[in-house]
Amino acid sequence: VLSEFSENKRGILFSAEHLNSFMNLRLFEKAVSEFSGEEEDF
């Protein structure tokens, strides 16, 4: 449902992993960087 709804919309679809908060933050940082085209640092 999330994938279908997110299609063709301006935004980010992020899938959290079964990891600790720090590692998920790094994955989220990467996803946002791909969207913005900049090297994000969170």
PDB file of all heavy atoms in Angstrom:
ATOM      1  N   VAL A   1       0.841  -1.204   0.000  1.00  0.00           N
ATOM      2  CA  VAL A   1       0.000   0.000   0.000  1.00  0.00           C
ATOM      3  C   VAL A   1       0.875   1.253   0.000  1.00  0.00           C
ATOM      4  O   VAL A   1       0.633   2.198  -0.757  1.00  0.00           O
ATOM      5  CB  VAL A   1      -0.948   0.005   1.225  1.00  0.00           C
ATOM      6  CG1 VAL A   1      -1.586   1.379   1.407  1.00  0.00           C
ATOM      7  CG2 VAL A   1      -2.029  -1.051   1.049  1.00  0.00           C
ATOM      8  N   LEU A   2       1.908   1.259   0.851  1.00  0.00           N
ATOM      9  CA  LEU A   2       2.808   2.412   0.909  1.00  0.00           C
ATOM     10  C   LEU A   2       3.526   2.622  -0.428  1.00  0.00           C
ATOM     11  O   LEU A   2       3.670   3.750  -0.890  1.00  0.00           O
ATOM     12  CB  LEU A   2       3.842   2.225   2.021  1.00  0.00           C
ATOM     13  CG  LEU A   2       3.388   2.512   3.450  1.00  0.00           C
ATOM     14  CD1 LEU A   2       4.517   2.211   4.419  1.00  0.00           C
ATOM     15  CD2 LEU A   2       2.942   3.954   3.606  1.00  0.00           C
ATOM     16  N   SER A   3       3.981   1.536  -1.022  1.00  0.00           N
ATOM     17  CA  SER A   3       4.705   1.629  -2.300  1.00  0.00           C
ATOM     18  C   SER A   3       3.809   2.175  -3.398  1.00  0.00           C
ATOM     19  O   SER A   3       4.212   3.037  -4.186  1.00  0.00           O
ATOM     20  CB  SER A   3       5.248   0.251  -2.704  1.00  0.00           C
ATOM     21  OG  SER A   3       6.174  -0.225  -1.752  1.00  0.00           O
ATOM     22  N   GLU A   4       2.572   1.667  -3.450  1.00  0.00           N
ATOM     23  CA  GLU A   4       1.621   2.125  -4.470  1.00  0.00           C
ATOM     24  C   GLU A   4       1.291   3.603  -4.270  1.00  0.00           C
ATOM     25  O   GLU A   4       1.256   4.387  -5.212  1.00  0.00           O
ATOM     26  CB  GLU A   4       0.347   1.284  -4.386  1.00  0.00           C
ATOM     27  CG  GLU A   4      -0.746   1.675  -5.353  1.00  0.00           C
ATOM     28  CD  GLU A   4      -0.612   1.000  -6.705  1.00  0.00           C
ATOM     29  OE1 GLU A   4       0.314   0.177  -6.867  1.00  0.00           O
ATOM     30  OE2 GLU A   4      -1.411   1.309  -7.594  1.00  0.00           O
ATOM     31  N   PHE A   5       1.050   3.982  -3.024  1.00  0.00           N
ATOM     32  CA  PHE A   5       0.675   5.367  -2.733  1.00  0.00           C
ATOM     33  C   PHE A   5       1.826   6.331  -3.010  1.00  0.00           C
ATOM     34  O   PHE A   5       1.621   7.455  -3.464  1.00  0.00           O
ATOM     35  CB  PHE A   5       0.238   5.481  -1.266  1.00  0.00           C
ATOM     36  CG  PHE A   5      -0.061   6.890  -0.841  1.00  0.00           C
ATOM     37  CD1 PHE A   5      -1.187   7.542  -1.305  1.00  0.00           C
ATOM     38  CD2 PHE A   5       0.788   7.567   0.025  1.00  0.00           C
ATOM     39  CE1 PHE A   5      -1.470   8.852  -0.917  1.00  0.00           C
ATOM     40  CE2 PHE A   5       0.519   8.860   0.423  1.00  0.00           C
ATOM     41  CZ  PHE A   5      -0.606   9.509  -0.050  1.00  0.00           C
ATOM     42  N   SER A   6       3.048   5.906  -2.733  1.00  0.00           N
ATOM     43  CA  SER A   6       4.215   6.780  -2.879  1.00  0.00           C
ATOM     44  C   SER A   6       4.625   6.997  -4.330  1.00  0.00           C
ATOM     45  O   SER A   6       5.358   7.952  -4.632  1.00  0.00           O
ATOM     46  CB  SER A   6       5.411   6.193  -2.108  1.00  0.00           C
ATOM     47  OG  SER A   6       5.105   6.027  -0.741  1.00  0.00           O
ATOM     48  N   GLU A   7       4.164   6.135  -5.201  1.00  0.00           N
ATOM     49  CA  GLU A   7       4.596   6.196  -6.599  1.00  0.00           C
ATOM     50  C   GLU A   7       4.232   7.541  -7.235  1.00  0.00           C
ATOM     51  O   GLU A   7       3.111   8.045  -7.086  1.00  0.00           O
ATOM     52  CB  GLU A   7       3.927   5.050  -7.386  1.00  0.00           C
ATOM     53  CG  GLU A   7       4.610   4.758  -8.705  1.00  0.00           C
ATOM     54  CD  GLU A   7       4.098   3.460  -9.321  1.00  0.00           C
ATOM     55  OE1 GLU A   7       4.022   2.454  -8.593  1.00  0.00           O
ATOM     56  OE2 GLU A   7       3.781   3.478 -10.519  1.00  0.00           O
ATOM     57  N   ASN A   8       5.202   8.126  -7.909  1.00  0.00           N
ATOM     58  CA  ASN A   8       5.029   9.392  -8.630  1.00  0.00           C
ATOM     59  C   ASN A   8       4.739  10.590  -7.724  1.00  0.00           C
ATOM     60  O   ASN A   8       4.218  11.607  -8.190  1.00  0.00           O
ATOM     61  CB  ASN A   8       3.913   9.270  -9.690  1.00  0.00           C
ATOM     62  CG  ASN A   8       4.222   8.203 -10.722  1.00  0.00           C
ATOM     63  OD1 ASN A   8       5.373   8.049 -11.140  1.00  0.00           O
ATOM     64  ND2 ASN A   8       3.211   7.449 -11.111  1.00  0.00           N
ATOM     65  N   LYS A   9       5.051  10.473  -6.451  1.00  0.00           N
ATOM     66  CA  LYS A   9       4.895  11.604  -5.544  1.00  0.00           C
ATOM     67  C   LYS A   9       6.274  12.109  -5.127  1.00  0.00           C
ATOM     68  O   LYS A   9       7.212  11.325  -4.980  1.00  0.00           O
ATOM     69  CB  LYS A   9       4.084  11.202  -4.306  1.00  0.00           C
ATOM     70  CG  LYS A   9       2.604  10.996  -4.574  1.00  0.00           C
ATOM     71  CD  LYS A   9       1.855  10.691  -3.292  1.00  0.00           C
ATOM     72  CE  LYS A   9       0.346  10.631  -3.534  1.00  0.00           C
ATOM     73  NZ  LYS A   9      -0.029   9.521  -4.437  1.00  0.00           N
ATOM     74  N   ARG A  10       6.362  13.395  -4.937  1.00  0.00           N
ATOM     75  CA  ARG A  10       7.619  14.001  -4.491  1.00  0.00           C
ATOM     76  C   ARG A  10       7.845  13.642  -3.030  1.00  0.00           C
ATOM     77  O   ARG A  10       7.106  14.082  -2.154  1.00  0.00           O
ATOM     78  CB  ARG A  10       7.557  15.521  -4.660  1.00  0.00           C
ATOM     79  CG  ARG A  10       8.795  16.269  -4.178  1.00  0.00           C
ATOM     80  CD  ARG A  10       8.656  17.761  -4.441  1.00  0.00           C
ATOM     81  NE  ARG A  10       9.801  18.501  -3.889  1.00  0.00           N
ATOM     82  CZ  ARG A  10       9.809  19.055  -2.683  1.00  0.00           C
ATOM     83  NH1 ARG A  10       8.730  18.982  -1.915  1.00  0.00           N
ATOM     84  NH2 ARG A  10      10.875  19.703  -2.249  1.00  0.00           N
ATOM     85  N   GLY A  11       8.836  12.838  -2.783  1.00  0.00           N
ATOM     86  CA  GLY A  11       9.069  12.442  -1.402  1.00  0.00           C
ATOM     87  C   GLY A  11      10.031  11.281  -1.278  1.00  0.00           C
ATOM     88  O   GLY A  11      10.736  10.922  -2.220  1.00  0.00           O
ATOM     89  N   ILE A  12      10.041  10.695  -0.096  1.00  0.00           N
ATOM     90  CA  ILE A  12      10.966   9.612   0.236  1.00  0.00           C
ATOM     91  C   ILE A  12      10.181   8.473   0.859  1.00  0.00           C
ATOM     92  O   ILE A  12       9.378   8.686   1.779  1.00  0.00           O
ATOM     93  CB  ILE A  12      12.039  10.092   1.239  1.00  0.00           C
ATOM     94  CG1 ILE A  12      12.894  11.196   0.614  1.00  0.00           C
ATOM     95  CG2 ILE A  12      12.911   8.937   1.709  1.00  0.00           C
ATOM     96  CD1 ILE A  12      13.807  11.884   1.624  1.00  0.00           C
ATOM     97  N   LEU A  13      10.380   7.273   0.359  1.00  0.00           N
ATOM     98  CA  LEU A  13       9.856   6.056   0.969  1.00  0.00           C
ATOM     99  C   LEU A  13      11.023   5.350   1.637  1.00  0.00           C
ATOM    100  O   LEU A  13      11.926   4.865   0.969  1.00  0.00           O
ATOM    101  CB  LEU A  13       9.192   5.149  -0.070  1.00  0.00           C
ATOM    102  CG  LEU A  13       8.764   3.754   0.416  1.00  0.00           C
ATOM    103  CD1 LEU A  13       7.792   3.866   1.584  1.00  0.00           C
ATOM    104  CD2 LEU A  13       8.145   2.949  -0.726  1.00  0.00           C
ATOM    105  N   PHE A  14      11.022   5.326   2.959  1.00  0.00           N
ATOM    106  CA  PHE A  14      12.135   4.740   3.716  1.00  0.00           C
ATOM    107  C   PHE A  14      11.660   3.498   4.458  1.00  0.00           C
ATOM    108  O   PHE A  14      10.652   3.526   5.165  1.00  0.00           O
ATOM    109  CB  PHE A  14      12.687   5.762   4.716  1.00  0.00           C
ATOM    110  CG  PHE A  14      13.742   5.197   5.628  1.00  0.00           C
ATOM    111  CD1 PHE A  14      14.995   4.856   5.134  1.00  0.00           C
ATOM    112  CD2 PHE A  14      13.485   5.011   6.982  1.00  0.00           C
ATOM    113  CE1 PHE A  14      15.965   4.332   5.974  1.00  0.00           C
ATOM    114  CE2 PHE A  14      14.450   4.489   7.826  1.00  0.00           C
ATOM    115  CZ  PHE A  14      15.697   4.144   7.318  1.00  0.00           C
ATOM    116  N   SER A  15      12.396   2.416   4.288  1.00  0.00           N
ATOM    117  CA  SER A  15      12.084   1.163   4.986  1.00  0.00           C
ATOM    118  C   SER A  15      13.070   0.975   6.130  1.00  0.00           C
ATOM    119  O   SER A  15      14.271   0.758   5.897  1.00  0.00           O
ATOM    120  CB  SER A  15      12.158  -0.030   4.022  1.00  0.00           C
ATOM    121  OG  SER A  15      11.158   0.061   3.033  1.00  0.00           O
ATOM    122  N   ALA A  16      12.574   1.077   7.352  1.00  0.00           N
ATOM    123  CA  ALA A  16      13.433   0.867   8.519  1.00  0.00           C
ATOM    124  C   ALA A  16      13.856  -0.589   8.596  1.00  0.00           C
ATOM    125  O   ALA A  16      13.099  -1.491   8.223  1.00  0.00           O
ATOM    126  CB  ALA A  16      12.696   1.275   9.792  1.00  0.00           C
ATOM    127  N   GLU A  17      15.066  -0.821   9.056  1.00  0.00           N
ATOM    128  CA  GLU A  17      15.585  -2.178   9.209  1.00  0.00           C
ATOM    129  C   GLU A  17      15.554  -2.568  10.685  1.00  0.00           C
ATOM    130  O   GLU A  17      15.412  -1.722  11.571  1.00  0.00           O
ATOM    131  CB  GLU A  17      17.026  -2.246   8.676  1.00  0.00           C
ATOM    132  CG  GLU A  17      17.183  -1.850   7.218  1.00  0.00           C
ATOM    133  CD  GLU A  17      16.640  -2.893   6.259  1.00  0.00           C
ATOM    134  OE1 GLU A  17      16.388  -4.035   6.719  1.00  0.00           O
ATOM    135  OE2 GLU A  17      16.467  -2.588   5.069  1.00  0.00           O
ATOM    136  N   HIS A  18      15.685  -3.875  10.926  1.00  0.00           N
ATOM    137  CA  HIS A  18      15.737  -4.358  12.313  1.00  0.00           C
ATOM    138  C   HIS A  18      17.151  -4.138  12.857  1.00  0.00           C
ATOM    139  O   HIS A  18      17.901  -5.073  13.144  1.00  0.00           O
ATOM    140  CB  HIS A  18      15.351  -5.838  12.369  1.00  0.00           C
ATOM    141  CG  HIS A  18      13.926  -6.087  11.997  1.00  0.00           C
ATOM    142  ND1 HIS A  18      12.882  -5.830  12.859  1.00  0.00           N
ATOM    143  CD2 HIS A  18      13.364  -6.529  10.854  1.00  0.00           C
ATOM    144  CE1 HIS A  18      11.737  -6.122  12.263  1.00  0.00           C
ATOM    145  NE2 HIS A  18      11.998  -6.553  11.047  1.00  0.00           N
ATOM    146  N   LEU A  19      17.490  -2.861  12.977  1.00  0.00           N
ATOM    147  CA  LEU A  19      18.809  -2.455  13.456  1.00  0.00           C
ATOM    148  C   LEU A  19      18.625  -1.438  14.570  1.00  0.00           C
ATOM    149  O   LEU A  19      17.515  -1.017  14.856  1.00  0.00           O
ATOM    150  CB  LEU A  19      19.614  -1.833  12.302  1.00  0.00           C
ATOM    151  CG  LEU A  19      19.850  -2.709  11.077  1.00  0.00           C
ATOM    152  CD1 LEU A  19      20.419  -1.873   9.936  1.00  0.00           C
ATOM    153  CD2 LEU A  19      20.802  -3.859  11.406  1.00  0.00           C
ATOM    154  N   ASN A  20      19.730  -1.025  15.180  1.00  0.00           N
ATOM    155  CA  ASN A  20      19.608  -0.014  16.226  1.00  0.00           C
ATOM    156  C   ASN A  20      19.332   1.355  15.609  1.00  0.00           C
ATOM    157  O   ASN A  20      19.414   1.555  14.400  1.00  0.00           O
ATOM    158  CB  ASN A  20      20.846   0.012  17.124  1.00  0.00           C
ATOM    159  CG  ASN A  20      22.123   0.345  16.356  1.00  0.00           C
ATOM    160  OD1 ASN A  20      22.136   1.201  15.471  1.00  0.00           O
ATOM    161  ND2 ASN A  20      23.198  -0.331  16.694  1.00  0.00           N
ATOM    162  N   SER A  21      19.002   2.309  16.466  1.00  0.00           N
ATOM    163  CA  SER A  21      18.612   3.641  16.006  1.00  0.00           C
ATOM    164  C   SER A  21      19.721   4.321  15.212  1.00  0.00           C
ATOM    165  O   SER A  21      19.461   4.993  14.202  1.00  0.00           O
ATOM    166  CB  SER A  21      18.218   4.502  17.214  1.00  0.00           C
ATOM    167  OG  SER A  21      17.789   5.779  16.817  1.00  0.00           O
ATOM    168  N   PHE A  22      20.970   4.142  15.652  1.00  0.00           N
ATOM    169  CA  PHE A  22      22.092   4.790  14.971  1.00  0.00           C
ATOM    170  C   PHE A  22      22.217   4.297  13.531  1.00  0.00           C
ATOM    171  O   PHE A  22      22.380   5.092  12.596  1.00  0.00           O
ATOM    172  CB  PHE A  22      23.398   4.509  15.726  1.00  0.00           C
ATOM    173  CG  PHE A  22      24.620   5.043  15.046  1.00  0.00           C
ATOM    174  CD1 PHE A  22      24.985   6.376  15.171  1.00  0.00           C
ATOM    175  CD2 PHE A  22      25.405   4.213  14.253  1.00  0.00           C
ATOM    176  CE1 PHE A  22      26.119   6.869  14.532  1.00  0.00           C
ATOM    177  CE2 PHE A  22      26.535   4.697  13.614  1.00  0.00           C
ATOM    178  CZ  PHE A  22      26.889   6.027  13.755  1.00  0.00           C
ATOM    179  N   MET A  23      22.126   2.981  13.330  1.00  0.00           N
ATOM    180  CA  MET A  23      22.271   2.423  11.989  1.00  0.00           C
ATOM    181  C   MET A  23      21.106   2.829  11.093  1.00  0.00           C
ATOM    182  O   MET A  23      21.291   3.123   9.909  1.00  0.00           O
ATOM    183  CB  MET A  23      22.387   0.900  12.064  1.00  0.00           C
ATOM    184  CG  MET A  23      23.662   0.402  12.720  1.00  0.00           C
ATOM    185  SD  MET A  23      25.142   1.043  11.895  1.00  0.00           S
ATOM    186  CE  MET A  23      24.972   0.334  10.254  1.00  0.00           C
ATOM    187  N   ASN A  24      19.888   2.856  11.643  1.00  0.00           N
ATOM    188  CA  ASN A  24      18.745   3.297  10.838  1.00  0.00           C
ATOM    189  C   ASN A  24      18.863   4.766  10.476  1.00  0.00           C
ATOM    190  O   ASN A  24      18.455   5.182   9.389  1.00  0.00           O
ATOM    191  CB  ASN A  24      17.438   3.040  11.597  1.00  0.00           C
ATOM    192  CG  ASN A  24      16.836   1.686  11.277  1.00  0.00           C
ATOM    193  OD1 ASN A  24      16.607   1.362  10.114  1.00  0.00           O
ATOM    194  ND2 ASN A  24      16.586   0.894  12.301  1.00  0.00           N
ATOM    195  N   LEU A  25      19.442   5.559  11.371  1.00  0.00           N
ATOM    196  CA  LEU A  25      19.648   6.976  11.066  1.00  0.00           C
ATOM    197  C   LEU A  25      20.628   7.131   9.910  1.00  0.00           C
ATOM    198  O   LEU A  25      20.459   7.997   9.047  1.00  0.00           O
ATOM    199  CB  LEU A  25      20.156   7.711  12.297  1.00  0.00           C
ATOM    200  CG  LEU A  25      20.380   9.230  12.156  1.00  0.00           C
ATOM    201  CD1 LEU A  25      19.111   9.927  11.693  1.00  0.00           C
ATOM    202  CD2 LEU A  25      20.872   9.823  13.472  1.00  0.00           C
ATOM    203  N   ARG A  26      21.655   6.281   9.875  1.00  0.00           N
ATOM    204  CA  ARG A  26      22.617   6.339   8.773  1.00  0.00           C
ATOM    205  C   ARG A  26      21.936   5.948   7.445  1.00  0.00           C
ATOM    206  O   ARG A  26      22.193   6.548   6.399  1.00  0.00           O
ATOM    207  CB  ARG A  26      23.791   5.386   9.049  1.00  0.00           C
ATOM    208  CG  ARG A  26      24.608   5.690  10.289  1.00  0.00           C
ATOM    209  CD  ARG A  26      25.530   6.902  10.103  1.00  0.00           C
ATOM    210  NE  ARG A  26      24.871   8.183  10.117  1.00  0.00           N
ATOM    211  CZ  ARG A  26      24.444   8.818  11.221  1.00  0.00           C
ATOM    212  NH1 ARG A  26      24.600   8.268  12.413  1.00  0.00           N
ATOM    213  NH2 ARG A  26      23.877   9.998  11.133  1.00  0.00           N
ATOM    214  N   LEU A  27      21.060   4.943   7.498  1.00  0.00           N
ATOM    215  CA  LEU A  27      20.340   4.536   6.288  1.00  0.00           C
ATOM    216  C   LEU A  27      19.377   5.636   5.834  1.00  0.00           C
ATOM    217  O   LEU A  27      19.232   5.897   4.640  1.00  0.00           O
ATOM    218  CB  LEU A  27      19.570   3.234   6.552  1.00  0.00           C
ATOM    219  CG  LEU A  27      20.413   1.988   6.812  1.00  0.00           C
ATOM    220  CD1 LEU A  27      19.526   0.809   7.203  1.00  0.00           C
ATOM    221  CD2 LEU A  27      21.239   1.625   5.577  1.00  0.00           C
ATOM    222  N   PHE A  28      18.746   6.289   6.803  1.00  0.00           N
ATOM    223  CA  PHE A  28      17.827   7.386   6.485  1.00  0.00           C
ATOM    224  C   PHE A  28      18.601   8.555   5.888  1.00  0.00           C
ATOM    225  O   PHE A  28      18.146   9.201   4.936  1.00  0.00           O
ATOM    226  CB  PHE A  28      17.096   7.823   7.760  1.00  0.00           C
ATOM    227  CG  PHE A  28      16.011   8.836   7.516  1.00  0.00           C
ATOM    228  CD1 PHE A  28      14.837   8.478   6.877  1.00  0.00           C
ATOM    229  CD2 PHE A  28      16.159  10.148   7.937  1.00  0.00           C
ATOM    230  CE1 PHE A  28      13.830   9.410   6.660  1.00  0.00           C
ATOM    231  CE2 PHE A  28      15.171  11.087   7.726  1.00  0.00           C
ATOM    232  CZ  PHE A  28      13.997  10.714   7.083  1.00  0.00           C
ATOM    233  N   GLU A  29      19.765   8.818   6.441  1.00  0.00           N
ATOM    234  CA  GLU A  29      20.651   9.870   5.942  1.00  0.00           C
ATOM    235  C   GLU A  29      20.983   9.623   4.468  1.00  0.00           C
ATOM    236  O   GLU A  29      20.962  10.541   3.636  1.00  0.00           O
ATOM    237  CB  GLU A  29      21.921   9.863   6.789  1.00  0.00           C
ATOM    238  CG  GLU A  29      22.885  10.993   6.547  1.00  0.00           C
ATOM    239  CD  GLU A  29      24.060  10.868   7.503  1.00  0.00           C
ATOM    240  OE1 GLU A  29      24.992  10.087   7.205  1.00  0.00           O
ATOM    241  OE2 GLU A  29      24.054  11.535   8.550  1.00  0.00           O
ATOM    242  N   LYS A  30      21.265   8.370   4.143  1.00  0.00           N
ATOM    243  CA  LYS A  30      21.583   8.004   2.752  1.00  0.00           C
ATOM    244  C   LYS A  30      20.375   8.218   1.839  1.00  0.00           C
ATOM    245  O   LYS A  30      20.505   8.743   0.721  1.00  0.00           O
ATOM    246  CB  LYS A  30      22.032   6.545   2.698  1.00  0.00           C
ATOM    247  CG  LYS A  30      22.380   6.059   1.310  1.00  0.00           C
ATOM    248  CD  LYS A  30      22.815   4.592   1.320  1.00  0.00           C
ATOM    249  CE  LYS A  30      23.128   4.103  -0.087  1.00  0.00           C
ATOM    250  NZ  LYS A  30      23.509   2.660  -0.088  1.00  0.00           N
ATOM    251  N   ALA A  31      19.183   7.827   2.316  1.00  0.00           N
ATOM    252  CA  ALA A  31      17.967   7.985   1.517  1.00  0.00           C
ATOM    253  C   ALA A  31      17.671   9.461   1.246  1.00  0.00           C
ATOM    254  O   ALA A  31      17.296   9.840   0.131  1.00  0.00           O
ATOM    255  CB  ALA A  31      16.788   7.324   2.229  1.00  0.00           C
ATOM    256  N   VAL A  32      17.859  10.297   2.254  1.00  0.00           N
ATOM    257  CA  VAL A  32      17.613  11.733   2.087  1.00  0.00           C
ATOM    258  C   VAL A  32      18.655  12.342   1.150  1.00  0.00           C
ATOM    259  O   VAL A  32      18.343  13.211   0.326  1.00  0.00           O
ATOM    260  CB  VAL A  32      17.614  12.453   3.445  1.00  0.00           C
ATOM    261  CG1 VAL A  32      17.420  13.955   3.260  1.00  0.00           C
ATOM    262  CG2 VAL A  32      16.506  11.905   4.345  1.00  0.00           C
ATOM    263  N   SER A  33      19.893  11.874   1.245  1.00  0.00           N
ATOM    264  CA  SER A  33      20.962  12.374   0.367  1.00  0.00           C
ATOM    265  C   SER A  33      20.656  12.069  -1.084  1.00  0.00           C
ATOM    266  O   SER A  33      20.897  12.893  -1.980  1.00  0.00           O
ATOM    267  CB  SER A  33      22.301  11.741   0.764  1.00  0.00           C
ATOM    268  OG  SER A  33      22.691  12.127   2.064  1.00  0.00           O
ATOM    269  N   GLU A  34      20.102  10.874  -1.340  1.00  0.00           N
ATOM    270  CA  GLU A  34      19.746  10.501  -2.709  1.00  0.00           C
ATOM    271  C   GLU A  34      18.630  11.398  -3.236  1.00  0.00           C
ATOM    272  O   GLU A  34      18.596  11.733  -4.426  1.00  0.00           O
ATOM    273  CB  GLU A  34      19.314   9.041  -2.746  1.00  0.00           C
ATOM    274  CG  GLU A  34      20.464   8.060  -2.499  1.00  0.00           C
ATOM    275  CD  GLU A  34      19.999   6.629  -2.421  1.00  0.00           C
ATOM    276  OE1 GLU A  34      18.761   6.393  -2.457  1.00  0.00           O
ATOM    277  OE2 GLU A  34      20.861   5.727  -2.312  1.00  0.00           O
ATOM    278  N   PHE A  35      17.726  11.804  -2.357  1.00  0.00           N
ATOM    279  CA  PHE A  35      16.633  12.684  -2.777  1.00  0.00           C
ATOM    280  C   PHE A  35      17.131  14.101  -3.024  1.00  0.00           C
ATOM    281  O   PHE A  35      16.785  14.728  -4.030  1.00  0.00           O
ATOM    282  CB  PHE A  35      15.531  12.703  -1.712  1.00  0.00           C
ATOM    283  CG  PHE A  35      14.462  13.726  -1.977  1.00  0.00           C
ATOM    284  CD1 PHE A  35      13.435  13.459  -2.862  1.00  0.00           C
ATOM    285  CD2 PHE A  35      14.496  14.973  -1.349  1.00  0.00           C
ATOM    286  CE1 PHE A  35      12.446  14.411  -3.120  1.00  0.00           C
ATOM    287  CE2 PHE A  35      13.518  15.923  -1.590  1.00  0.00           C
ATOM    288  CZ  PHE A  35      12.498  15.643  -2.492  1.00  0.00           C
ATOM    289  N   SER A  36      17.938  14.625  -2.113  1.00  0.00           N
ATOM    290  CA  SER A  36      18.354  16.026  -2.190  1.00  0.00           C
ATOM    291  C   SER A  36      19.507  16.265  -3.158  1.00  0.00           C
ATOM    292  O   SER A  36      19.718  17.389  -3.619  1.00  0.00           O
ATOM    293  CB  SER A  36      18.751  16.525  -0.803  1.00  0.00           C
ATOM    294  OG  SER A  36      19.939  15.877  -0.354  1.00  0.00           O
ATOM    295  N   GLY A  37      20.270  15.193  -3.419  1.00  0.00           N
ATOM    296  CA  GLY A  37      21.448  15.367  -4.257  1.00  0.00           C
ATOM    297  C   GLY A  37      22.613  15.987  -3.517  1.00  0.00           C
ATOM    298  O   GLY A  37      23.616  16.373  -4.126  1.00  0.00           O
ATOM    299  N   GLU A  38      22.484  16.092  -2.201  1.00  0.00           N
ATOM    300  CA  GLU A  38      23.546  16.642  -1.364  1.00  0.00           C
ATOM    301  C   GLU A  38      24.009  15.572  -0.359  1.00  0.00           C
ATOM    302  O   GLU A  38      23.317  14.582  -0.132  1.00  0.00           O
ATOM    303  CB  GLU A  38      23.040  17.870  -0.601  1.00  0.00           C
ATOM    304  CG  GLU A  38      22.512  18.977  -1.496  1.00  0.00           C
ATOM    305  CD  GLU A  38      21.953  20.148  -0.694  1.00  0.00           C
ATOM    306  OE1 GLU A  38      22.214  20.187   0.527  1.00  0.00           O
ATOM    307  OE2 GLU A  38      21.252  20.989  -1.278  1.00  0.00           O
ATOM    308  N   GLU A  39      25.173  15.803   0.215  1.00  0.00           N
ATOM    309  CA  GLU A  39      25.671  14.873   1.230  1.00  0.00           C
ATOM    310  C   GLU A  39      25.134  15.316   2.591  1.00  0.00           C
ATOM    311  O   GLU A  39      25.663  16.212   3.233  1.00  0.00           O
ATOM    312  CB  GLU A  39      27.209  14.862   1.242  1.00  0.00           C
ATOM    313  CG  GLU A  39      27.778  13.758   2.119  1.00  0.00           C
ATOM    314  CD  GLU A  39      29.285  13.638   1.997  1.00  0.00           C
ATOM    315  OE1 GLU A  39      29.837  14.118   0.983  1.00  0.00           O
ATOM    316  OE2 GLU A  39      29.895  13.059   2.911  1.00  0.00           O
ATOM    317  N   GLU A  40      24.063  14.669   3.026  1.00  0.00           N
ATOM    318  CA  GLU A  40      23.403  15.035   4.275  1.00  0.00           C
ATOM    319  C   GLU A  40      24.168  14.478   5.480  1.00  0.00           C
ATOM    320  O   GLU A  40      24.835  13.445   5.389  1.00  0.00           O
ATOM    321  CB  GLU A  40      21.966  14.515   4.296  1.00  0.00           C
ATOM    322  CG  GLU A  40      21.113  14.948   3.108  1.00  0.00           C
ATOM    323  CD  GLU A  40      20.715  16.415   3.171  1.00  0.00           C
ATOM    324  OE1 GLU A  40      20.971  17.059   4.207  1.00  0.00           O
ATOM    325  OE2 GLU A  40      20.127  16.914   2.190  1.00  0.00           O
ATOM    326  N   ASP A  41      24.061  15.167   6.601  1.00  0.00           N
ATOM    327  CA  ASP A  41      24.717  14.734   7.837  1.00  0.00           C
ATOM    328  C   ASP A  41      23.749  14.948   8.998  1.00  0.00           C
ATOM    329  O   ASP A  41      23.451  16.086   9.360  1.00  0.00           O
ATOM    330  CB  ASP A  41      26.006  15.527   8.067  1.00  0.00           C
ATOM    331  CG  ASP A  41      26.731  15.094   9.336  1.00  0.00           C
ATOM    332  OD1 ASP A  41      26.497  13.967   9.800  1.00  0.00           O
ATOM    333  OD2 ASP A  41      27.524  15.899   9.877  1.00  0.00           O
ATOM    334  N   PHE A  42      23.240  13.840   9.561  1.00  0.00           N
ATOM    335  CA  PHE A  42      22.250  13.921  10.629  1.00  0.00           C
ATOM    336  C   PHE A  42      22.821  13.331  11.923  1.00  0.00           C
ATOM    337  O   PHE A  42      22.877  12.109  12.074  1.00  0.00           O
ATOM    338  CB  PHE A  42      20.973  13.161  10.259  1.00  0.00           C
ATOM    339  CG  PHE A  42      20.314  13.643   8.992  1.00  0.00           C
ATOM    340  CD1 PHE A  42      19.664  12.750   8.149  1.00  0.00           C
ATOM    341  CD2 PHE A  42      20.335  14.985   8.640  1.00  0.00           C
ATOM    342  CE1 PHE A  42      19.050  13.181   7.000  1.00  0.00           C
ATOM    343  CE2 PHE A  42      19.720  15.431   7.482  1.00  0.00           C
ATOM    344  CZ  PHE A  42      19.077  14.529   6.649  1.00  0.00           C
TER     345      PHE A  42
END
